[in-house]
């Protein structure tokens, strides 16, 4: 089963305890489920599209639990407990990726983003948009830096960025 979330709309000001968002989930390329959350901490609302049986929501949830990696969380410093990735958790993760993509695209225009060892770093310039002059200046001052996200294809840069942020969180 191939799941994709598209047409994501996010409202930062309305997001309190959870994301306030809406979007459509495509299953194997077919628009199948509308999902949304009001951002107040409650569960997602999930509705199937016309001619898609309601049972698909349960099927997708079971598929997520069986096929996606489990995640761990500890509360108050206790031993981390392991949980299944549910369809709702998958949806939340898609919104997180959507927001990270927007953030990275914006920041790649404003600053040089690079790895120094295992740390993600940025070098900001007081300009609206970086140019080749800024990159040349950065490279001259930082000859030991090998990984500069600005110089990579966006999908490769996003993968490194997202993996780093997932380790931190």
Protein backbone atom coordinates (compact mmCIF):
# COMPACT_ATOMS: atom_id res chain seq x y z
CA UNK A 1 0.00 0.00 0.00
CA UNK A 2 1.40 3.39 -0.98
CA UNK A 3 0.17 6.27 1.18
CA UNK A 4 0.63 9.95 0.34
CA UNK A 5 -0.85 13.05 1.92
CA UNK A 6 -1.49 15.96 -0.43
CA UNK A 7 -3.20 19.35 -0.38
CA UNK A 8 -2.09 19.94 3.20
CA UNK A 9 -3.29 23.18 4.76
CA UNK A 10 -1.88 24.08 8.17
CA UNK A 11 -2.93 26.88 10.51
CA UNK A 12 -0.13 27.78 12.92
CA UNK A 13 -2.20 30.29 14.92
CA UNK A 14 -4.94 27.72 15.56
CA UNK A 15 -2.57 24.89 16.51
CA UNK A 16 -2.60 24.57 20.28
CA UNK A 17 -1.94 21.02 21.47
CA UNK A 18 -1.92 19.33 18.06
CA UNK A 19 -1.58 20.53 14.47
CA UNK A 20 -4.60 22.35 13.09
CA UNK A 21 -4.65 21.02 9.55
CA UNK A 22 -6.52 19.35 6.75
CA UNK A 23 -5.40 17.24 3.83
CA UNK A 24 -6.20 14.32 1.56
CA UNK A 25 -4.69 10.87 1.78
CA UNK A 26 -4.10 9.06 -1.47
CA UNK A 27 -3.92 5.28 -1.41
CA UNK A 28 -2.02 3.78 -4.33
CA UNK A 29 -2.49 7.06 -6.22
CA UNK A 30 -6.26 7.34 -5.59
CA UNK A 31 -7.72 10.18 -3.50
CA UNK A 32 -9.35 8.22 -0.69
CA UNK A 33 -9.52 9.89 2.73
CA UNK A 34 -10.02 13.46 3.92
CA UNK A 35 -8.30 14.09 7.29
CA UNK A 36 -8.40 17.13 9.53
CA UNK A 37 -7.80 18.24 13.10
CA UNK A 38 -8.90 21.44 14.85
CA UNK A 39 -5.62 21.73 16.78
CA UNK A 40 -7.14 21.62 20.26
CA UNK A 41 -5.69 18.25 21.27
CA UNK A 42 -8.44 15.98 20.01
CA UNK A 43 -8.27 13.15 17.50
CA UNK A 44 -8.23 13.57 13.74
CA UNK A 45 -11.44 13.50 11.77
CA UNK A 46 -11.26 11.02 8.92
CA UNK A 47 -13.82 10.76 6.11
CA UNK A 48 -13.67 8.68 2.96
CA UNK A 49 -14.16 10.18 -0.46
CA UNK A 50 -17.19 9.27 -2.60
CA UNK A 51 -17.40 5.59 -3.50
CA UNK A 52 -14.61 4.65 -1.08
CA UNK A 53 -15.87 2.33 1.68
CA UNK A 54 -15.49 3.54 5.29
CA UNK A 55 -13.73 0.26 6.09
CA UNK A 56 -10.63 1.57 4.25
CA UNK A 57 -9.81 3.77 7.27
CA UNK A 58 -9.59 0.71 9.52
CA UNK A 59 -7.59 -1.17 6.85
CA UNK A 60 -5.09 1.70 6.54
CA UNK A 61 -4.76 1.92 10.33
CA UNK A 62 -4.01 -1.83 10.54
CA UNK A 63 -1.56 -1.57 7.63
CA UNK A 64 0.28 1.29 9.39
CA UNK A 65 0.52 -0.69 12.63
CA UNK A 66 1.91 -3.75 10.83
CA UNK A 67 4.24 -2.08 8.32
CA UNK A 68 5.55 1.19 9.76
CA UNK A 69 8.30 1.41 12.40
CA UNK A 70 7.24 1.52 16.02
CA UNK A 71 8.12 4.62 18.04
CA UNK A 72 9.15 5.13 21.64
CA UNK A 73 8.23 7.68 24.26
CA UNK A 74 8.98 8.06 27.90
CA UNK A 75 7.18 10.25 30.36
CA UNK A 76 8.83 11.81 33.38
CA UNK A 77 12.14 10.06 32.68
CA UNK A 78 10.65 6.57 32.87
CA UNK A 79 11.76 3.77 30.60
CA UNK A 80 10.58 4.48 27.07
CA UNK A 81 7.56 2.47 25.99
CA UNK A 82 7.12 1.29 22.41
CA UNK A 83 3.97 2.13 20.42
CA UNK A 84 2.55 1.16 17.04
CA UNK A 85 2.44 3.83 14.36
CA UNK A 86 -1.26 4.37 13.76
CA UNK A 87 -2.85 6.04 10.75
CA UNK A 88 -3.39 9.17 12.86
CA UNK A 89 0.30 9.21 13.86
CA UNK A 90 1.29 8.76 10.21
CA UNK A 91 -0.90 11.77 9.29
CA UNK A 92 0.74 13.90 11.99
CA UNK A 93 4.17 12.85 10.70
CA UNK A 94 3.17 13.93 7.19
CA UNK A 95 2.20 17.38 8.47
CA UNK A 96 5.55 17.59 10.28
CA UNK A 97 7.38 16.78 7.04
CA UNK A 98 5.24 19.30 5.13
CA UNK A 99 6.17 22.05 7.62
CA UNK A 100 9.85 21.06 7.64
CA UNK A 101 9.94 21.21 3.83
CA UNK A 102 8.52 24.75 3.90
CA UNK A 103 10.99 25.76 6.60
CA UNK A 104 13.98 24.31 4.75
CA UNK A 105 12.99 25.90 1.42
CA UNK A 106 12.68 29.30 3.12
CA UNK A 107 15.95 28.94 5.03
CA UNK A 108 17.95 27.76 2.00
CA UNK A 109 17.27 31.19 0.47
CA UNK A 110 18.33 33.10 3.60
CA UNK A 111 21.32 31.23 5.00
CA UNK A 112 23.95 28.63 4.29
CA UNK A 113 22.90 25.40 5.99
CA UNK A 114 25.62 22.87 6.61
CA UNK A 115 26.84 20.05 8.82
CA UNK A 116 29.82 20.59 11.06
CA UNK A 117 30.59 17.10 12.29
CA UNK A 118 27.24 15.72 13.44
CA UNK A 119 25.70 19.14 14.08
CA UNK A 120 23.39 21.00 11.73
CA UNK A 121 24.50 24.63 11.52
CA UNK A 122 23.54 27.77 9.65
CA UNK A 123 25.36 30.89 8.59
CA UNK A 124 23.05 33.87 8.08
CA UNK A 125 23.73 36.89 5.93
CA UNK A 126 21.73 40.11 6.18
CA UNK A 127 20.20 39.81 2.73
CA UNK A 128 16.81 38.77 1.39
CA UNK A 129 18.25 36.08 -0.89
CA UNK A 130 21.69 34.47 -0.99
CA UNK A 131 23.84 34.68 -4.09
CA UNK A 132 26.99 32.98 -5.34
CA UNK A 133 29.05 35.68 -3.59
CA UNK A 134 27.75 34.54 -0.22
CA UNK A 135 28.48 30.88 -0.94
CA UNK A 136 32.02 31.72 -2.12
CA UNK A 137 32.61 33.82 1.01
CA UNK A 138 31.33 30.98 3.20
CA UNK A 139 33.51 28.36 1.47
CA UNK A 140 36.64 30.50 1.79
CA UNK A 141 36.02 31.00 5.52
CA UNK A 142 34.96 27.37 6.15
CA UNK A 143 37.21 25.13 4.05
CA UNK A 144 36.67 22.10 6.30
CA UNK A 145 32.87 22.00 5.77
CA UNK A 146 32.02 19.13 3.44
CA UNK A 147 28.20 18.98 3.52
CA UNK A 148 26.35 22.14 2.46
CA UNK A 149 22.64 21.53 2.02
CA UNK A 150 22.22 24.53 -0.31
CA UNK A 151 24.39 22.80 -2.92
CA UNK A 152 22.48 19.53 -2.90
CA UNK A 153 19.35 18.52 -4.79
CA UNK A 154 16.45 19.53 -2.54
CA UNK A 155 15.22 15.97 -1.86
CA UNK A 156 18.72 14.87 -0.74
CA UNK A 157 19.09 17.96 1.45
CA UNK A 158 15.64 17.43 2.94
CA UNK A 159 16.41 13.80 3.76
CA UNK A 160 19.52 14.80 5.76
CA UNK A 161 17.66 17.70 7.41
CA UNK A 162 14.67 15.53 8.37
CA UNK A 163 16.87 12.69 9.68
CA UNK A 164 18.81 15.14 11.84
CA UNK A 165 15.65 16.70 13.28
CA UNK A 166 14.15 13.26 13.98
CA UNK A 167 17.23 12.38 16.07
CA UNK A 168 16.98 15.63 18.04
CA UNK A 169 13.27 15.39 18.85
